[in-house]
Amino acid sequence: MLSFYSRFAECAERFPDGIAIEMQRNSGLESFSYSELRQMAESVGSWLAENGFRPGTRCAILAANGPRWVAAYLGIIAAGSAHPGDVGQHGGHSLHVRHYIRSEGRHAYP
């Protein structure tokens, strides 16, 4: 069975110029092709690996939802790290996130 990231990479191979994600902003429509999104995701995954994040390392994304959040999420999956879910938009989760990050012993702010 293919993983979520493998299926995404398959789509990026088949439809490199196709729109993978878009978001309406005040300044207009922001969109990324499958190849652009894959490039951003693999950049995040490489950065994680280069900075000591091994497969299974817990990661959290503390950011507003948007195309770059999706790229970060895909990059974490590509690196084999575990992701607990979207914690960036829930103010009550900050104590839980601090404990979660402390228990892993790594902090990253690329």
Protein backbone atom coordinates (compact mmCIF):
# COMPACT_ATOMS: atom_id res chain seq x y z
CA MET A 1 0.00 0.00 0.00
CA LEU A 2 1.38 3.40 -0.99
CA SER A 3 1.85 6.05 1.67
CA PHE A 4 0.15 9.43 1.48
CA TYR A 5 3.41 11.06 0.43
CA SER A 6 4.05 8.39 -2.22
CA ARG A 7 0.64 9.09 -3.71
CA PHE A 8 1.34 12.83 -3.69
CA ALA A 9 4.74 12.25 -5.39
CA GLU A 10 3.00 10.07 -7.98
CA CYS A 11 0.60 12.93 -8.77
CA ALA A 12 3.55 15.34 -9.00
CA GLU A 13 5.17 13.03 -11.56
CA ARG A 14 1.99 12.66 -13.60
CA PHE A 15 0.80 16.27 -13.42
CA PRO A 16 3.86 18.44 -12.67
CA ASP A 17 2.29 21.64 -14.02
CA GLY A 18 -1.17 20.96 -12.62
CA ILE A 19 -2.44 23.13 -9.75
CA ALA A 20 -1.96 21.21 -6.51
CA ILE A 21 -3.17 23.88 -4.13
CA GLU A 22 -4.48 27.41 -4.26
CA MET A 23 -5.67 29.94 -1.74
CA GLN A 24 -7.50 33.23 -2.12
CA ARG A 25 -5.59 36.07 -0.50
CA ASN A 26 -6.46 39.76 -0.28
CA SER A 27 -3.84 40.39 -2.97
CA GLY A 28 -5.21 37.69 -5.27
CA LEU A 29 -5.04 33.97 -5.84
CA GLU A 30 -1.92 32.18 -4.61
CA SER A 31 -1.36 28.84 -6.32
CA PHE A 32 1.35 26.21 -6.55
CA SER A 33 1.80 23.44 -9.08
CA TYR A 34 2.47 19.87 -8.02
CA SER A 35 6.14 20.25 -8.95
CA GLU A 36 6.46 23.50 -6.93
CA LEU A 37 4.75 21.98 -3.91
CA ARG A 38 6.90 18.84 -4.15
CA GLN A 39 10.06 20.95 -4.38
CA MET A 40 9.08 22.93 -1.26
CA ALA A 41 8.14 19.73 0.61
CA GLU A 42 11.37 17.98 -0.26
CA SER A 43 13.31 21.07 0.80
CA VAL A 44 11.64 20.89 4.23
CA GLY A 45 12.28 17.13 4.43
CA SER A 46 15.96 17.60 3.53
CA TRP A 47 16.34 20.38 6.08
CA LEU A 48 14.87 18.17 8.79
CA ALA A 49 17.19 15.27 7.92
CA GLU A 50 20.25 17.55 7.78
CA ASN A 51 19.42 18.93 11.22
CA GLY A 52 19.16 15.62 13.02
CA PHE A 53 15.47 14.87 12.72
CA ARG A 54 15.39 11.11 12.28
CA PRO A 55 12.46 9.01 11.05
CA GLY A 56 9.90 8.87 13.84
CA THR A 57 10.92 12.22 15.36
CA ARG A 58 7.83 14.10 16.46
CA CYS A 59 7.23 17.40 14.71
CA ALA A 60 4.61 20.10 15.01
CA ILE A 61 3.77 22.91 12.63
CA LEU A 62 3.02 26.18 14.39
CA ALA A 63 1.76 28.31 11.53
CA ALA A 64 -1.36 29.58 9.86
CA ASN A 65 -2.96 27.21 7.41
CA GLY A 66 -2.04 27.86 3.79
CA PRO A 67 0.02 26.47 0.93
CA ARG A 68 3.30 26.69 2.82
CA TRP A 69 1.73 24.84 5.77
CA VAL A 70 0.83 22.05 3.34
CA ALA A 71 4.42 22.00 2.04
CA ALA A 72 5.76 21.77 5.61
CA TYR A 73 3.33 18.95 6.40
CA LEU A 74 4.34 17.03 3.26
CA GLY A 75 8.02 17.63 4.04
CA ILE A 76 7.62 16.19 7.53
CA ILE A 77 5.96 13.12 6.05
CA ALA A 78 8.66 12.84 3.35
CA ALA A 79 11.34 12.87 6.07
CA GLY A 80 9.54 10.04 7.89
CA SER A 81 8.80 12.14 10.95
CA ALA A 82 5.55 11.92 12.87
CA HIS A 83 3.14 14.86 12.92
CA PRO A 84 0.57 15.34 15.68
CA GLY A 85 -1.83 17.54 13.70
CA ASP A 86 -2.56 21.20 13.17
CA VAL A 87 -1.77 23.05 16.38
CA GLY A 88 -1.19 26.51 14.92
CA GLN A 89 -4.77 27.73 15.00
CA HIS A 90 -5.76 26.59 18.49
CA GLY A 91 -4.63 28.96 21.22
CA GLY A 92 -5.42 26.50 24.01
CA HIS A 93 -2.85 24.03 22.73
CA SER A 94 0.28 26.06 23.45
CA LEU A 95 1.02 24.34 26.79
CA HIS A 96 0.52 20.91 25.19
CA VAL A 97 2.82 21.86 22.29
CA ARG A 98 5.58 23.11 24.61
CA HIS A 99 5.43 19.84 26.57
CA TYR A 100 5.37 17.83 23.34
CA ILE A 101 8.42 19.63 21.93
CA ARG A 102 10.32 19.44 25.23
CA SER A 103 9.71 15.69 25.49
CA GLU A 104 11.33 15.20 22.08
CA GLY A 105 14.29 17.41 22.92
CA ARG A 106 14.49 19.20 19.56
CA HIS A 107 13.49 22.68 18.48
CA ALA A 108 13.53 23.89 14.91
CA TYR A 109 12.56 27.14 13.30
CA PRO A 110 13.59 26.96 9.63
